[in-house]
N, C-alpha and C. Protein backbone atom coordinates (compact mmCIF):
# COMPACT_ATOMS: atom_id res chain seq x y z
N MET A 1 11.14 19.36 -85.24
CA MET A 1 11.08 19.92 -86.56
C MET A 1 11.77 19.02 -87.57
N ASP A 2 12.83 18.41 -87.09
CA ASP A 2 13.57 17.52 -87.96
C ASP A 2 12.70 16.32 -88.36
N LYS A 3 11.87 15.89 -87.43
CA LYS A 3 10.95 14.78 -87.75
C LYS A 3 9.92 15.22 -88.78
N GLY A 4 9.48 16.43 -88.70
CA GLY A 4 8.51 16.97 -89.66
C GLY A 4 9.10 17.05 -91.05
N GLN A 5 10.35 17.48 -91.14
CA GLN A 5 11.03 17.55 -92.44
C GLN A 5 11.23 16.15 -93.01
N GLY A 6 11.56 15.20 -92.16
CA GLY A 6 11.76 13.82 -92.60
C GLY A 6 10.46 13.21 -93.10
N GLY A 7 9.36 13.54 -92.41
CA GLY A 7 8.05 13.03 -92.83
C GLY A 7 7.63 13.62 -94.16
N ILE A 8 7.91 14.90 -94.37
CA ILE A 8 7.57 15.55 -95.64
C ILE A 8 8.40 14.95 -96.76
N GLN A 9 9.67 14.71 -96.49
CA GLN A 9 10.53 14.11 -97.49
C GLN A 9 10.03 12.70 -97.86
N GLN A 10 9.59 11.97 -96.86
CA GLN A 10 9.05 10.63 -97.11
C GLN A 10 7.77 10.71 -97.94
N LEU A 11 6.95 11.67 -97.63
CA LEU A 11 5.70 11.84 -98.40
C LEU A 11 6.01 12.23 -99.85
N LEU A 12 6.95 13.12 -100.04
CA LEU A 12 7.34 13.51 -101.40
C LEU A 12 7.93 12.33 -102.16
N ALA A 13 8.74 11.55 -101.51
CA ALA A 13 9.33 10.37 -102.14
C ALA A 13 8.25 9.35 -102.49
N ALA A 14 7.29 9.17 -101.58
CA ALA A 14 6.20 8.23 -101.83
C ALA A 14 5.33 8.72 -102.99
N GLU A 15 5.10 10.05 -103.05
CA GLU A 15 4.31 10.61 -104.14
C GLU A 15 5.02 10.41 -105.48
N GLN A 16 6.33 10.65 -105.49
CA GLN A 16 7.10 10.44 -106.72
C GLN A 16 7.09 8.97 -107.13
N GLU A 17 7.20 8.08 -106.18
CA GLU A 17 7.16 6.64 -106.46
C GLU A 17 5.79 6.24 -107.01
N ALA A 18 4.73 6.78 -106.42
CA ALA A 18 3.37 6.49 -106.91
C ALA A 18 3.19 7.02 -108.33
N GLN A 19 3.72 8.22 -108.58
CA GLN A 19 3.63 8.80 -109.92
C GLN A 19 4.38 7.93 -110.93
N ARG A 20 5.56 7.43 -110.53
CA ARG A 20 6.34 6.55 -111.41
C ARG A 20 5.58 5.25 -111.70
N ILE A 21 4.95 4.69 -110.69
CA ILE A 21 4.18 3.45 -110.86
C ILE A 21 3.00 3.68 -111.80
N VAL A 22 2.30 4.80 -111.61
CA VAL A 22 1.14 5.12 -112.46
C VAL A 22 1.60 5.33 -113.90
N THR A 23 2.72 6.03 -114.10
CA THR A 23 3.24 6.27 -115.44
C THR A 23 3.65 4.96 -116.11
N ASN A 24 4.33 4.10 -115.35
CA ASN A 24 4.72 2.80 -115.90
C ASN A 24 3.50 1.96 -116.27
N ALA A 25 2.47 1.99 -115.43
CA ALA A 25 1.25 1.24 -115.72
C ALA A 25 0.56 1.80 -116.95
N ARG A 26 0.53 3.14 -117.07
CA ARG A 26 -0.10 3.76 -118.23
C ARG A 26 0.66 3.40 -119.50
N ASN A 27 1.98 3.43 -119.44
CA ASN A 27 2.80 3.07 -120.61
C ASN A 27 2.61 1.60 -120.98
N ALA A 28 2.54 0.73 -119.98
CA ALA A 28 2.33 -0.69 -120.24
C ALA A 28 0.95 -0.92 -120.88
N LYS A 29 -0.05 -0.19 -120.38
CA LYS A 29 -1.39 -0.29 -120.95
C LYS A 29 -1.40 0.15 -122.41
N MET A 30 -0.76 1.28 -122.70
CA MET A 30 -0.71 1.78 -124.07
C MET A 30 0.03 0.81 -124.98
N ALA A 31 1.11 0.22 -124.48
CA ALA A 31 1.86 -0.76 -125.28
C ALA A 31 0.99 -1.98 -125.57
N ARG A 32 0.25 -2.43 -124.58
CA ARG A 32 -0.63 -3.60 -124.77
C ARG A 32 -1.76 -3.27 -125.75
N LEU A 33 -2.30 -2.05 -125.67
CA LEU A 33 -3.35 -1.66 -126.61
C LEU A 33 -2.81 -1.61 -128.04
N ARG A 34 -1.59 -1.08 -128.21
CA ARG A 34 -0.98 -1.07 -129.55
C ARG A 34 -0.78 -2.48 -130.06
N GLN A 35 -0.29 -3.36 -129.18
CA GLN A 35 -0.07 -4.76 -129.57
C GLN A 35 -1.39 -5.43 -129.95
N ALA A 36 -2.44 -5.20 -129.16
CA ALA A 36 -3.75 -5.80 -129.46
C ALA A 36 -4.29 -5.28 -130.79
N LYS A 37 -4.09 -3.97 -131.04
CA LYS A 37 -4.55 -3.40 -132.31
C LYS A 37 -3.82 -4.02 -133.49
N GLU A 38 -2.51 -4.18 -133.36
CA GLU A 38 -1.73 -4.80 -134.44
C GLU A 38 -2.15 -6.24 -134.68
N GLU A 39 -2.40 -6.98 -133.58
CA GLU A 39 -2.86 -8.37 -133.72
C GLU A 39 -4.21 -8.42 -134.42
N ALA A 40 -5.11 -7.52 -134.03
CA ALA A 40 -6.43 -7.48 -134.65
C ALA A 40 -6.32 -7.13 -136.13
N GLU A 41 -5.47 -6.18 -136.47
CA GLU A 41 -5.29 -5.81 -137.88
C GLU A 41 -4.74 -6.98 -138.69
N ARG A 42 -3.81 -7.74 -138.11
CA ARG A 42 -3.28 -8.92 -138.81
C ARG A 42 -4.37 -9.96 -139.02
N GLU A 43 -5.20 -10.18 -137.98
CA GLU A 43 -6.28 -11.15 -138.10
C GLU A 43 -7.30 -10.71 -139.15
N VAL A 44 -7.63 -9.43 -139.15
CA VAL A 44 -8.57 -8.91 -140.14
C VAL A 44 -8.00 -9.06 -141.55
N ALA A 45 -6.72 -8.76 -141.71
CA ALA A 45 -6.09 -8.88 -143.02
C ALA A 45 -6.08 -10.34 -143.48
N ALA A 46 -5.78 -11.25 -142.57
CA ALA A 46 -5.78 -12.68 -142.93
C ALA A 46 -7.19 -13.14 -143.30
N TYR A 47 -8.19 -12.73 -142.53
CA TYR A 47 -9.57 -13.10 -142.82
C TYR A 47 -10.02 -12.51 -144.15
N ARG A 48 -9.68 -11.25 -144.38
CA ARG A 48 -10.04 -10.60 -145.64
C ARG A 48 -9.39 -11.32 -146.82
N ALA A 49 -8.13 -11.70 -146.67
CA ALA A 49 -7.43 -12.41 -147.74
C ALA A 49 -8.09 -13.77 -148.01
N GLN A 50 -8.47 -14.45 -146.94
CA GLN A 50 -9.13 -15.76 -147.09
C GLN A 50 -10.46 -15.60 -147.82
N ARG A 51 -11.28 -14.64 -147.40
CA ARG A 51 -12.58 -14.44 -148.03
C ARG A 51 -12.42 -13.98 -149.48
N GLU A 52 -11.44 -13.14 -149.74
CA GLU A 52 -11.18 -12.68 -151.11
C GLU A 52 -10.78 -13.86 -151.99
N SER A 53 -9.95 -14.74 -151.43
CA SER A 53 -9.53 -15.92 -152.18
C SER A 53 -10.72 -16.82 -152.49
N GLU A 54 -11.59 -17.03 -151.50
CA GLU A 54 -12.78 -17.85 -151.72
C GLU A 54 -13.69 -17.21 -152.76
N PHE A 55 -13.84 -15.89 -152.69
CA PHE A 55 -14.68 -15.18 -153.65
C PHE A 55 -14.13 -15.32 -155.06
N ARG A 56 -12.83 -15.10 -155.21
CA ARG A 56 -12.21 -15.22 -156.54
C ARG A 56 -12.32 -16.64 -157.08
N LYS A 57 -12.20 -17.63 -156.19
CA LYS A 57 -12.32 -19.02 -156.61
C LYS A 57 -13.74 -19.30 -157.12
N LYS A 58 -14.74 -18.85 -156.37
CA LYS A 58 -16.13 -19.05 -156.79
C LYS A 58 -16.43 -18.28 -158.07
N LEU A 59 -15.88 -17.09 -158.18
CA LEU A 59 -16.07 -16.29 -159.38
C LEU A 59 -15.46 -16.99 -160.59
N ALA A 60 -14.28 -17.56 -160.39
CA ALA A 60 -13.62 -18.28 -161.48
C ALA A 60 -14.41 -19.53 -161.87
N GLU A 61 -14.96 -20.20 -160.86
CA GLU A 61 -15.74 -21.41 -161.15
C GLU A 61 -17.01 -21.08 -161.91
N SER A 62 -17.65 -19.97 -161.55
CA SER A 62 -18.93 -19.66 -162.16
C SER A 62 -18.80 -18.98 -163.51
N SER A 63 -17.77 -18.17 -163.69
CA SER A 63 -17.68 -17.44 -164.95
C SER A 63 -16.32 -17.55 -165.60
N GLY A 64 -15.43 -18.31 -165.03
CA GLY A 64 -14.08 -18.41 -165.56
C GLY A 64 -14.04 -18.96 -166.97
N ASP A 65 -14.82 -19.96 -167.24
CA ASP A 65 -14.83 -20.56 -168.56
C ASP A 65 -16.25 -20.47 -169.09
N SER A 66 -16.68 -19.27 -169.39
CA SER A 66 -18.07 -19.06 -169.80
C SER A 66 -18.36 -19.73 -171.14
N GLY A 67 -17.35 -19.89 -171.98
CA GLY A 67 -17.54 -20.58 -173.26
C GLY A 67 -17.95 -22.03 -173.03
N ALA A 68 -17.28 -22.71 -172.13
CA ALA A 68 -17.61 -24.10 -171.83
C ALA A 68 -18.99 -24.18 -171.17
N ASN A 69 -19.27 -23.26 -170.25
CA ASN A 69 -20.59 -23.25 -169.61
C ASN A 69 -21.68 -23.00 -170.64
N MET A 70 -21.42 -22.08 -171.56
CA MET A 70 -22.41 -21.76 -172.59
C MET A 70 -22.66 -22.97 -173.49
N LYS A 71 -21.59 -23.64 -173.89
CA LYS A 71 -21.74 -24.84 -174.73
C LYS A 71 -22.52 -25.92 -173.99
N ARG A 72 -22.20 -26.08 -172.71
CA ARG A 72 -22.91 -27.09 -171.92
C ARG A 72 -24.40 -26.75 -171.83
N LEU A 73 -24.71 -25.47 -171.56
CA LEU A 73 -26.11 -25.07 -171.47
C LEU A 73 -26.83 -25.24 -172.81
N GLU A 74 -26.16 -24.89 -173.90
CA GLU A 74 -26.78 -25.05 -175.22
C GLU A 74 -27.04 -26.51 -175.53
N SER A 75 -26.07 -27.37 -175.23
CA SER A 75 -26.27 -28.80 -175.53
C SER A 75 -27.39 -29.38 -174.66
N GLU A 76 -27.44 -28.96 -173.40
CA GLU A 76 -28.54 -29.44 -172.54
C GLU A 76 -29.88 -28.94 -173.05
N THR A 77 -29.92 -27.72 -173.52
CA THR A 77 -31.17 -27.16 -174.05
C THR A 77 -31.61 -27.89 -175.30
N VAL A 78 -30.66 -28.15 -176.20
CA VAL A 78 -30.99 -28.88 -177.44
C VAL A 78 -31.52 -30.26 -177.11
N ILE A 79 -30.88 -30.94 -176.17
CA ILE A 79 -31.33 -32.28 -175.79
C ILE A 79 -32.74 -32.22 -175.20
N LYS A 80 -33.00 -31.23 -174.37
CA LYS A 80 -34.34 -31.10 -173.78
C LYS A 80 -35.38 -30.76 -174.85
N ILE A 81 -35.00 -29.92 -175.78
CA ILE A 81 -35.92 -29.57 -176.87
C ILE A 81 -36.26 -30.81 -177.69
N GLN A 82 -35.25 -31.57 -178.02
CA GLN A 82 -35.48 -32.79 -178.81
C GLN A 82 -36.36 -33.77 -178.03
N HIS A 83 -36.10 -33.89 -176.75
CA HIS A 83 -36.90 -34.79 -175.92
C HIS A 83 -38.35 -34.34 -175.87
N LEU A 84 -38.57 -33.04 -175.65
CA LEU A 84 -39.93 -32.52 -175.60
C LEU A 84 -40.62 -32.63 -176.96
N ALA A 85 -39.89 -32.38 -178.03
CA ALA A 85 -40.47 -32.50 -179.36
C ALA A 85 -40.88 -33.95 -179.64
N LYS A 86 -40.07 -34.88 -179.21
CA LYS A 86 -40.38 -36.30 -179.39
C LYS A 86 -41.64 -36.67 -178.61
N GLU A 87 -41.72 -36.22 -177.38
CA GLU A 87 -42.90 -36.51 -176.58
C GLU A 87 -44.14 -35.86 -177.17
N ALA A 88 -43.98 -34.64 -177.66
CA ALA A 88 -45.12 -33.93 -178.24
C ALA A 88 -45.58 -34.61 -179.53
N SER A 89 -44.66 -35.12 -180.31
CA SER A 89 -45.05 -35.77 -181.56
C SER A 89 -45.82 -37.06 -181.29
N GLN A 90 -45.58 -37.66 -180.18
CA GLN A 90 -46.32 -38.86 -179.83
C GLN A 90 -47.76 -38.52 -179.47
N VAL A 91 -48.00 -37.32 -178.94
CA VAL A 91 -49.34 -36.91 -178.55
C VAL A 91 -50.14 -36.47 -179.76
N SER A 92 -49.57 -35.55 -180.54
CA SER A 92 -50.27 -35.02 -181.69
C SER A 92 -49.25 -34.41 -182.64
N SER A 93 -49.57 -34.40 -183.92
CA SER A 93 -48.61 -33.89 -184.89
C SER A 93 -48.72 -32.38 -185.07
N GLU A 94 -49.89 -31.79 -184.93
CA GLU A 94 -50.05 -30.34 -185.16
C GLU A 94 -49.41 -29.48 -184.07
N PRO A 95 -49.61 -29.76 -182.80
CA PRO A 95 -49.00 -28.93 -181.76
C PRO A 95 -47.48 -29.04 -181.71
N VAL A 96 -46.90 -30.02 -182.39
CA VAL A 96 -45.45 -30.19 -182.35
C VAL A 96 -44.76 -28.96 -182.91
N CYS A 97 -45.28 -28.43 -184.00
CA CYS A 97 -44.69 -27.24 -184.61
C CYS A 97 -44.73 -26.07 -183.65
N LEU A 98 -45.87 -25.87 -183.00
CA LEU A 98 -45.98 -24.78 -182.04
C LEU A 98 -45.04 -24.98 -180.85
N LEU A 99 -44.98 -26.21 -180.36
CA LEU A 99 -44.10 -26.50 -179.23
C LEU A 99 -42.64 -26.31 -179.63
N PHE A 100 -42.29 -26.80 -180.82
CA PHE A 100 -40.91 -26.68 -181.28
C PHE A 100 -40.54 -25.20 -181.45
N CYS A 101 -41.43 -24.39 -182.00
CA CYS A 101 -41.17 -22.96 -182.15
C CYS A 101 -41.03 -22.30 -180.79
N PHE A 102 -41.90 -22.68 -179.88
CA PHE A 102 -41.82 -22.13 -178.53
C PHE A 102 -40.49 -22.49 -177.87
N LEU A 103 -40.07 -23.71 -178.04
CA LEU A 103 -38.82 -24.15 -177.44
C LEU A 103 -37.62 -23.47 -178.09
N GLN A 104 -37.69 -23.22 -179.38
CA GLN A 104 -36.60 -22.51 -180.05
C GLN A 104 -36.50 -21.07 -179.53
N VAL A 105 -37.64 -20.43 -179.36
CA VAL A 105 -37.65 -19.07 -178.83
C VAL A 105 -37.11 -19.07 -177.41
N THR A 106 -37.51 -20.07 -176.63
CA THR A 106 -37.01 -20.17 -175.26
C THR A 106 -35.51 -20.37 -175.24
N ALA A 107 -35.01 -21.22 -176.11
CA ALA A 107 -33.56 -21.45 -176.19
C ALA A 107 -32.83 -20.19 -176.61
N LEU A 108 -33.40 -19.46 -177.56
CA LEU A 108 -32.79 -18.21 -178.01
C LEU A 108 -32.76 -17.18 -176.88
N LEU A 109 -33.86 -17.07 -176.16
CA LEU A 109 -33.90 -16.15 -175.01
C LEU A 109 -32.89 -16.56 -173.95
N LEU A 110 -32.79 -17.85 -173.68
CA LEU A 110 -31.84 -18.36 -172.71
C LEU A 110 -30.42 -18.01 -173.14
N LYS A 111 -30.14 -18.13 -174.41
CA LYS A 111 -28.81 -17.80 -174.93
C LYS A 111 -28.50 -16.33 -174.71
N TYR A 112 -29.44 -15.45 -175.00
CA TYR A 112 -29.20 -14.03 -174.83
C TYR A 112 -29.09 -13.62 -173.36
N VAL A 113 -29.82 -14.29 -172.52
CA VAL A 113 -29.79 -13.96 -171.10
C VAL A 113 -28.49 -14.43 -170.46
N THR A 114 -27.98 -15.58 -170.87
CA THR A 114 -26.78 -16.13 -170.24
C THR A 114 -25.49 -15.70 -170.88
N THR A 115 -25.53 -15.00 -172.02
CA THR A 115 -24.30 -14.55 -172.66
C THR A 115 -23.86 -13.24 -172.04
N VAL A 116 -22.57 -13.18 -171.66
CA VAL A 116 -22.02 -11.99 -171.05
C VAL A 116 -21.19 -11.27 -172.11
N ASN A 117 -21.55 -10.01 -172.37
CA ASN A 117 -20.80 -9.19 -173.32
C ASN A 117 -19.99 -8.18 -172.55
N ASN A 118 -18.72 -8.07 -172.88
CA ASN A 118 -17.85 -7.12 -172.16
C ASN A 118 -17.81 -5.81 -172.91
C-alpha cells in the first residue's frame, strides 16, 4: 500500500510539474506575441512616417511654389504662342489672326485650369 501511495504522489508531482511547464510555455508564447506585435507596430509606424514624408515632399515640389510654376507655365505658353504665330505668318497672313486668337483662348483656358483657388 505504501508503494501505491508513493506512486500516486509521484504522479501528482509529475502532473503539477507538467502543468507548470505548460503554464511557463504559454506565458513565454504570450510574451513573444506581445513583443512581435510591438515590433510590427514600430515597423508600421516607421514605414508610415517614411511614406508620409515622401508624400509631403512630392506635394511640396508639385504645389509648394504654385506662383513660380504658374509663371513658368505662362512664359512657356507665351513663347509657344509666339513661335506658332511666327510659323503661321510664314504660311499665310489671314489664318494668323485665327490661330493667334485660338492660342490666346487656349492660354486663357490653361491659366484657369492650372490656377488653384483656396
